[in-house]
Protein backbone atom coordinates (compact mmCIF):
# COMPACT_ATOMS: atom_id res chain seq x y z
CA MET A 1 123.28 38.88 7.30
CA ASN A 2 121.34 36.67 4.92
CA ASN A 3 121.59 33.82 7.33
CA LEU A 4 120.12 36.01 10.05
CA LEU A 5 117.07 36.88 7.96
CA LEU A 6 116.39 33.32 7.12
CA SER A 7 116.09 32.42 10.79
CA PHE A 8 112.59 34.22 11.08
CA PHE A 9 109.37 32.35 10.09
CA PHE A 10 105.95 34.01 9.58
CA VAL A 11 102.73 32.10 10.47
CA PHE A 12 99.21 33.45 9.49
CA ARG A 13 95.86 32.26 10.98
CA HIS A 14 92.26 33.38 10.19
CA VAL A 15 90.26 34.10 13.35
CA ASN A 16 86.39 34.57 13.16
CA ILE A 17 84.79 36.48 16.07
CA THR A 18 80.96 36.34 16.34
CA VAL A 19 79.22 39.02 18.40
CA GLY A 20 76.06 37.50 19.92
CA ASP A 21 72.87 39.66 20.01
CA LEU A 22 71.29 39.85 23.44
CA ASN A 23 67.52 40.28 23.82
CA GLU A 24 67.93 43.74 25.20
CA TYR A 25 65.20 45.73 23.46
CA GLN A 26 61.52 45.70 24.28
CA PRO A 27 59.03 45.49 21.41
CA ARG A 28 58.15 49.00 20.33
CA PHE A 29 54.58 49.89 19.26
CA THR A 30 54.03 52.14 16.30
CA GLN A 31 51.51 54.21 18.29
CA ARG A 32 51.38 55.33 21.91
CA ILE A 33 47.63 54.55 22.00
CA TYR A 34 45.28 52.80 19.59
CA HIS A 35 41.85 54.37 19.28
CA THR A 36 39.02 53.48 16.89
CA SER A 37 35.23 53.61 16.63
CA ILE A 38 32.79 50.98 15.33
CA PRO A 39 28.97 50.85 15.14
CA GLU A 40 27.17 48.61 17.59
CA ASN A 41 25.75 46.55 14.71
CA PHE A 42 29.22 45.74 13.36
CA LEU A 43 28.63 41.97 13.43
CA THR A 44 25.31 42.42 11.63
CA LYS A 45 26.96 44.30 8.77
CA ASN A 46 30.32 42.48 8.68
CA SER A 47 31.81 39.03 9.05
CA SER A 48 33.28 38.02 12.41
CA SER A 49 36.61 37.59 10.64
CA SER A 50 36.73 41.25 9.60
CA PRO A 51 39.35 43.10 11.66
CA ILE A 52 38.54 46.45 13.25
CA LEU A 53 42.11 47.40 14.19
CA GLN A 54 45.70 46.16 13.80
CA ILE A 55 48.25 46.50 16.56
CA ILE A 56 51.85 46.69 15.27
CA ALA A 57 55.00 46.39 17.37
CA ILE A 58 58.68 46.37 16.22
CA ASP A 59 61.64 44.68 17.95
CA ASP A 60 65.03 46.29 17.33
CA ASP A 61 66.86 43.11 18.30
CA CYS A 62 68.31 41.24 15.34
CA TYR A 63 67.78 37.59 16.08
CA ASP A 64 64.14 37.54 17.28
CA LYS A 65 61.71 39.24 14.95
CA THR A 66 58.62 37.24 15.96
CA ILE A 67 56.25 39.16 18.23
CA LEU A 68 53.23 37.68 20.01
CA TYR A 69 50.16 39.75 20.92
CA THR A 70 47.77 39.12 23.82
CA ILE A 71 44.86 41.10 25.31
CA LEU A 72 45.09 42.13 28.95
CA ASN A 73 41.60 42.56 30.35
CA ASN A 74 40.87 42.48 34.05
CA ASP A 75 37.46 44.18 33.96
CA MET A 76 35.36 41.58 32.19
CA PRO A 77 35.30 37.77 31.93
CA ASN A 78 36.74 36.46 28.68
CA ASP A 79 33.55 34.61 27.76
CA ILE A 80 31.62 37.90 27.49
CA PHE A 81 34.46 40.22 26.46
CA PRO A 82 33.55 41.07 22.84
CA PHE A 83 37.06 41.32 21.31
CA GLU A 84 39.87 38.93 20.45
CA ILE A 85 43.32 39.42 18.92
CA ASP A 86 45.32 37.33 16.48
CA LYS A 87 48.51 36.62 18.43
CA TYR A 88 50.70 36.65 15.31
CA THR A 89 49.25 39.50 13.21
CA GLY A 90 47.85 41.82 15.90
CA TYR A 91 44.46 42.06 14.22
CA ILE A 92 41.63 42.75 16.67
CA ARG A 93 38.24 41.30 15.75
CA VAL A 94 34.71 41.37 17.24
CA LYS A 95 33.51 38.01 18.57
CA HIS A 96 30.27 38.99 20.39
CA GLN A 97 27.38 41.30 19.64
CA LEU A 98 27.93 44.90 20.81
CA ASP A 99 25.37 47.12 22.53
CA TYR A 100 25.90 50.85 22.91
CA GLU A 101 23.23 51.09 25.62
CA THR A 102 25.16 48.56 27.75
CA ILE A 103 28.76 49.71 27.19
CA SER A 104 29.64 52.65 24.97
CA THR A 105 33.45 52.57 25.36
CA TYR A 106 35.87 49.69 25.92
CA ARG A 107 39.31 50.35 27.44
CA PHE A 108 41.86 47.55 27.70
CA ARG A 109 45.53 46.83 26.97
CA VAL A 110 47.49 44.70 24.55
CA LYS A 111 50.85 43.13 25.39
CA ALA A 112 53.50 42.50 22.75
CA SER A 113 56.26 40.02 23.66
CA ASN A 114 59.05 37.97 22.04
CA LEU A 115 58.94 34.24 21.65
CA ASP A 116 61.08 33.78 24.73
CA HIS A 117 58.81 36.16 26.69
CA ILE A 118 61.89 37.85 28.20
CA THR A 119 60.88 41.34 27.14
CA SER A 120 57.44 42.79 26.48
CA SER A 121 55.57 46.07 26.09
CA ILE A 122 52.01 47.16 26.76
CA VAL A 123 49.86 49.66 24.86
CA PRO A 124 46.37 51.03 25.76
CA ILE A 125 43.43 50.39 23.42
CA VAL A 126 40.24 52.49 23.30
CA ILE A 127 37.29 51.33 21.20
CA ASP A 128 34.22 53.59 21.08
CA ILE A 129 30.88 51.98 20.22
CA LEU A 130 28.73 54.13 17.96
CA ASP A 131 25.01 54.15 18.68
CA ILE A 132 22.50 53.19 15.99
CA ASN A 133 18.73 53.51 16.14
CA ASP A 134 17.91 49.96 17.24
CA ASN A 135 15.47 50.54 20.14
CA GLN A 136 11.78 51.31 19.89
CA PRO A 137 10.48 54.17 22.04
CA SER A 138 8.66 53.00 25.17
CA ILE A 139 5.27 54.37 26.26
CA GLN A 140 4.66 54.82 29.98
CA ILE A 141 1.14 55.96 30.92
CA ASN A 142 0.46 57.48 34.34
CA ILE A 143 -3.19 58.01 35.26
CA LEU A 144 -4.35 60.15 38.18
CA ASN A 145 -5.64 58.00 41.04
CA GLU A 146 -9.22 59.25 40.81
CA TYR A 147 -9.49 57.89 37.26
CA LYS A 148 -7.82 54.53 37.89
CA PRO A 149 -9.86 51.32 38.17
CA MET A 150 -9.47 49.06 41.18
CA GLU A 151 -7.72 46.47 39.03
CA ASN A 152 -5.60 46.88 35.93
CA ASN A 153 -3.53 44.63 33.69
CA ASP A 154 -0.05 45.04 32.29
CA GLU A 155 -1.05 45.15 28.63
CA ASP A 156 -3.91 47.66 28.62
CA VAL A 157 -4.25 50.90 30.53
CA ILE A 158 -7.83 51.51 31.69
CA ILE A 159 -9.31 54.91 32.53
CA ASN A 160 -12.67 55.44 34.26
CA ILE A 161 -14.23 58.89 33.85
CA ASN A 162 -17.72 60.23 34.54
CA GLU A 163 -19.81 61.62 31.71
CA HIS A 164 -20.00 65.04 33.41
CA ILE A 165 -16.23 65.54 33.51
CA HIS A 166 -15.25 69.00 32.25
CA PRO A 167 -13.73 69.31 28.76
CA GLY A 168 -9.99 69.91 29.04
CA GLN A 169 -9.71 68.10 32.38
CA VAL A 170 -6.25 66.57 32.94
CA ILE A 171 -6.55 62.83 33.61
CA GLY A 172 -2.91 61.74 33.32
CA THR A 173 0.43 61.96 31.54
CA ILE A 174 2.30 59.86 29.00
CA LEU A 175 6.10 59.60 29.07
CA ILE A 176 7.83 58.50 25.87
CA ARG A 177 11.40 57.39 26.34
CA ASP A 178 14.04 56.05 23.97
CA ILE A 179 17.26 54.57 25.33
CA ASP A 180 19.05 55.34 22.08
CA SER A 181 21.20 58.45 22.36
CA ALA A 182 19.74 61.90 21.74
CA MET A 183 22.33 62.46 19.01
CA ILE A 184 20.52 60.04 16.69
CA ASN A 185 17.04 60.53 18.18
CA TYR A 186 16.67 64.27 18.30
CA ARG A 187 12.90 64.08 18.69
CA LEU A 188 10.12 61.74 19.85
CA SER A 189 6.43 62.06 18.95
CA LEU A 190 3.13 60.52 20.04
CA LYS A 191 -0.19 60.37 18.23
CA ILE A 192 -3.59 58.73 18.50
CA LEU A 193 -3.42 56.13 15.75
CA SER A 194 -7.04 55.01 16.06
CA CYS A 195 -10.06 55.43 18.33
CA PHE A 196 -13.02 53.06 18.30
CA PRO A 197 -15.94 53.35 17.88
CA LEU A 198 -15.61 55.54 14.82
CA THR A 199 -19.17 56.83 15.10
CA VAL A 200 -18.27 59.35 17.81
CA SER A 201 -15.23 61.58 18.26
CA CYS A 202 -12.37 60.55 20.54
CA PRO A 203 -12.89 61.59 24.18
CA ILE A 204 -9.23 62.54 24.82
CA ASP A 205 -6.54 64.82 23.39
CA LEU A 206 -2.76 64.76 23.76
CA ASP A 207 -1.09 68.11 24.18
CA SER A 208 1.49 70.21 26.01
CA GLU A 209 4.47 68.11 25.04
CA ILE A 210 7.54 68.68 27.21
CA GLU A 211 10.80 67.57 25.58
CA ASN A 212 13.94 66.52 27.45
CA ASN A 213 16.75 66.16 24.95
CA THR A 214 19.23 65.02 27.58
CA PHE A 215 17.37 61.81 28.32
CA SER A 216 15.64 61.34 24.92
CA SER A 217 12.19 61.58 26.47
CA THR A 218 8.99 63.53 25.86
CA THR A 219 5.99 63.98 28.14
CA TYR A 220 2.42 64.47 26.93
CA ILE A 221 -0.63 65.49 28.96
CA ILE A 222 -3.89 63.55 28.55
CA ARG A 223 -6.97 65.79 28.58
CA THR A 224 -10.64 65.24 27.89
CA SER A 225 -11.50 66.66 24.49
CA ARG A 226 -15.24 67.37 24.76
CA GLN A 227 -18.41 67.08 26.80
CA LEU A 228 -19.36 63.42 27.21
CA ASN A 229 -22.83 61.89 27.27
CA SER A 230 -23.50 58.22 27.96
CA GLU A 231 -27.00 58.48 26.50
CA GLN A 232 -25.54 59.56 23.15
CA GLY A 233 -23.15 56.64 22.77
CA ASP A 234 -20.18 57.61 24.94
CA GLU A 235 -19.54 54.28 26.66
CA THR A 236 -16.23 52.48 26.01
CA PHE A 237 -13.43 53.67 23.75
CA ILE A 238 -10.45 51.61 22.57
CA ILE A 239 -7.60 53.97 21.70
CA ILE A 240 -4.34 52.93 20.04
CA LEU A 241 -1.38 55.21 20.79
CA GLU A 242 1.74 55.20 18.60
CA ALA A 243 5.11 56.61 19.64
CA SER A 244 7.76 57.23 16.98
CA ASP A 245 11.37 58.35 16.99
CA TYR A 246 13.18 60.32 14.30
CA GLY A 247 16.14 58.03 13.88
CA ASN A 248 17.24 56.42 10.64
CA PRO A 249 15.36 54.21 10.16
CA SER A 250 12.49 55.52 12.28
CA LEU A 251 11.12 53.05 14.84
CA SER A 252 7.75 53.05 16.56
CA SER A 253 5.77 51.24 19.24
CA GLN A 254 2.10 51.06 20.19
CA ARG A 255 0.07 50.92 23.40
CA ARG A 256 -3.65 50.36 23.94
CA LEU A 257 -5.68 52.69 26.13
CA ILE A 258 -9.25 51.83 27.17
CA VAL A 259 -11.54 54.63 28.36
CA HIS A 260 -14.77 53.78 30.17
CA VAL A 261 -17.32 56.59 30.45
CA ASN A 262 -19.44 56.06 33.56
CA ASP A 263 -23.10 56.99 33.33
CA GLU A 264 -24.42 59.49 35.87
CA ASN A 265 -27.97 59.76 37.10
CA ASP A 266 -28.80 62.92 35.19
CA CYS A 267 -31.95 62.16 33.20
CA VAL A 268 -35.41 63.18 34.41
CA PRO A 269 -38.20 60.58 34.09
CA LYS A 270 -40.74 61.55 31.40
CA PHE A 271 -44.33 60.36 31.16
CA THR A 272 -45.38 59.04 27.75
CA GLN A 273 -48.44 61.31 28.01
CA SER A 274 -49.08 64.52 29.90
CA ASN A 275 -52.79 63.66 30.32
CA TYR A 276 -54.43 60.29 30.86
CA GLN A 277 -58.15 59.49 30.91
CA PHE A 278 -59.77 56.24 32.01
CA ARG A 279 -63.53 55.32 31.99
CA LEU A 280 -65.02 52.44 33.95
CA SER A 281 -68.21 51.34 35.65
CA HIS A 282 -69.11 52.92 38.95
CA LEU A 283 -69.80 49.39 40.21
CA SER A 284 -66.20 48.25 39.61
CA PRO A 285 -65.04 46.22 42.63
CA VAL A 286 -62.06 46.88 44.89
CA ASP A 287 -58.66 46.09 43.28
CA PHE A 288 -60.17 46.45 39.83
CA LEU A 289 -57.50 47.50 37.31
CA ILE A 290 -58.23 50.96 36.01
CA GLY A 291 -55.28 51.38 33.69
CA GLN A 292 -51.59 52.22 33.62
CA VAL A 293 -49.45 55.33 33.45
CA HIS A 294 -45.90 54.99 32.20
CA ALA A 295 -42.72 57.07 32.27
CA ASN A 296 -39.28 56.52 30.74
CA ASP A 297 -35.83 57.37 32.11
CA ASP A 298 -33.16 57.75 29.41
CA ASP A 299 -30.14 57.16 31.68
CA HIS A 300 -27.80 54.60 30.13
CA SER A 301 -27.31 52.57 33.29
CA PRO A 302 -30.28 50.24 34.07
CA ASN A 303 -29.81 51.01 37.76
CA TYR A 304 -30.49 54.69 37.08
CA ARG A 305 -33.67 53.96 35.09
CA LEU A 306 -35.64 52.78 38.12
CA ILE A 307 -38.81 54.84 38.64
CA GLN A 308 -41.23 55.09 41.56
CA TYR A 309 -44.86 56.09 40.87
CA LYS A 310 -46.84 58.04 43.46
CA LEU A 311 -50.10 59.89 43.71
CA LEU A 312 -49.81 63.46 44.87
CA GLU A 313 -50.66 63.59 48.58
CA ASP A 314 -54.35 64.00 49.55
CA ASN A 315 -55.27 63.14 45.99
CA ASN A 316 -58.15 60.65 46.50
CA GLN A 317 -55.70 58.05 47.82
CA ASP A 318 -58.48 56.44 49.85
CA THR A 319 -60.38 55.62 46.65
CA ILE A 320 -57.61 55.16 44.04
CA ARG A 321 -54.23 53.52 44.62
CA ILE A 322 -51.19 53.14 42.34
CA ASP A 323 -48.55 50.42 42.18
CA GLU A 324 -45.30 52.29 42.75
CA ASN A 325 -43.27 49.87 40.61
CA ASN A 326 -45.25 49.74 37.37
CA GLY A 327 -47.79 52.62 37.43
CA TYR A 328 -50.93 50.44 37.46
CA LEU A 329 -54.00 52.19 38.91
CA PHE A 330 -56.53 50.23 40.96
CA ILE A 331 -59.87 50.81 42.75
CA ALA A 332 -59.02 51.06 46.45
CA LYS A 333 -62.61 51.71 47.63
CA GLN A 334 -65.82 51.09 45.74
CA SER A 335 -67.65 54.32 44.99
CA LEU A 336 -71.14 53.13 43.85
CA LEU A 337 -71.73 56.63 42.48
CA GLU A 338 -71.15 58.20 39.13
CA THR A 339 -68.25 60.59 39.64
CA THR A 340 -65.00 61.88 38.17
CA PHE A 341 -61.58 61.83 39.85
CA ASN A 342 -58.84 64.24 38.75
CA LEU A 343 -55.46 63.03 40.00
CA THR A 344 -51.82 64.08 39.70
CA VAL A 345 -49.36 61.22 39.34
CA LEU A 346 -45.62 61.57 39.96
CA ALA A 347 -42.80 59.54 38.32
CA ILE A 348 -39.79 59.88 40.64
CA ASP A 349 -36.19 58.76 40.09
CA ARG A 350 -35.54 56.19 42.82
CA HIS A 351 -31.93 57.32 43.35
CA ASN A 352 -32.51 61.06 43.11
CA HIS A 353 -35.91 62.27 44.26
CA SER A 354 -35.22 65.73 42.84
CA LEU A 355 -35.64 64.20 39.37
CA TYR A 356 -39.33 63.66 38.66
CA ASP A 357 -42.14 64.30 36.22
CA GLN A 358 -45.91 64.58 36.71
CA ALA A 359 -49.00 63.83 34.65
CA ASN A 360 -52.73 64.51 34.98
CA VAL A 361 -55.06 61.52 35.28
CA GLN A 362 -58.83 61.71 34.92
CA ILE A 363 -60.87 58.70 36.02
CA ILE A 364 -64.56 58.71 35.06
CA LEU A 365 -66.95 56.36 36.86
CA PHE A 366 -70.23 55.99 34.95
CA ASP A 367 -73.42 53.98 35.03
CA THR A 368 -73.05 51.33 32.35
CA THR A 369 -76.81 50.90 32.08
CA LYS A 370 -77.18 54.42 30.79
CA CYS A 371 -74.17 54.71 28.53
CA THR A 372 -73.01 53.01 25.43
CA ALA A 373 -69.75 51.13 25.42
CA MET A 374 -66.71 53.40 25.40
CA PHE A 375 -62.99 52.94 25.53
CA ARG A 376 -61.36 53.63 28.87
CA GLN A 377 -58.79 55.91 27.23
CA THR A 378 -59.15 58.38 24.44
CA ILE A 379 -55.75 57.34 23.08
CA TYR A 380 -53.55 54.30 23.55
CA ILE A 381 -49.79 54.44 23.06
CA PHE A 382 -47.73 51.27 22.93
CA ASN A 383 -43.97 50.91 22.51
CA THR A 384 -42.35 47.98 20.75
CA THR A 385 -39.08 47.07 19.04
CA GLU A 386 -38.25 45.66 15.65
CA HIS A 387 -37.31 42.05 14.84
CA GLN A 388 -39.80 40.52 17.31
CA ILE A 389 -41.16 37.03 16.67
CA THR A 390 -44.77 37.34 15.55
CA PRO A 391 -47.42 37.16 16.76
CA TYR A 392 -46.73 38.90 20.07
CA ASP A 393 -48.65 41.18 22.47
CA ILE A 394 -47.92 44.91 22.45
CA GLY A 395 -50.59 46.05 24.92
CA MET A 396 -54.23 45.89 25.94
CA ILE A 397 -57.22 48.16 25.20
């Protein structure tokens, strides 16, 4: 029995079995979607190395814990796409300046993959760009055709109006627009910053504002503010308009408006005297200068100040004549007798014959051998201006 037991031998071996891990799991993101918001001036306020978001993915496989991240973007070329991702850490950074008014939301995807690129996963990314008040309001001026000049330039807006235009007359509109969102620009305003010359009041008003909060715009109506008069200094006005928004900080812009007030032929010629008297010898020859009558026209335009002088019809025109341009009176026919002529002289606006004035003229022809020397007129009136170089002539008696 003992010999039988001794015939069995026992042999022991250690066997190691290694179970290899297959790359069977895809990287798993910690979120189903990554969504964040950043202001459009992010690069202005922060360094380009500052991350705005981190994408994190986990791989449940044991042997390969390294995950690589790449951006998938098919909508925009890489050279203008404003974001980049660190392929090892998943940090997304801004590489180009952002502009809310150009693109307000970016949608793209990020792929997470292993080193061997056998498995990968994709996650959507949404980045909203927050608007800031970085655009000045624009000023667009629209003038009615009847008040537009034939030519205009891009910098200044020119308005031509007549001096007899009614107060309150609409001459155009002004549209203020701001491309920043209405959420940060809840209101736009326009005012007349200055109006030159300062010696007279501004000829226009801005009123009846119409707001459109959807498009961040406001419309103003341009009206005349008062009765105009070229003869009282209403000629050319230089008006500076300023539009402002109510963002933080508030931004503004300016535009220049030039208003020309056109003179109208509305002034009646006026003689310097209502009665004239001239005395001369009854032997005065033909074409002898008797004297001059004079009238003034206060219209601002030189073209409207032209006056024509005439003698009233059948008013001794065969004996006395008048120069229609300057009012000089001449002997047309020698009388040879002592006599007195009583004439009526008219000063007529050359462009509007309904505008005229009249004066009485008395011409006395006397015998110089019987009378002492006398002035031809009882009164002489001469007009002159200051700062003349002396000596100079102001008239003749």
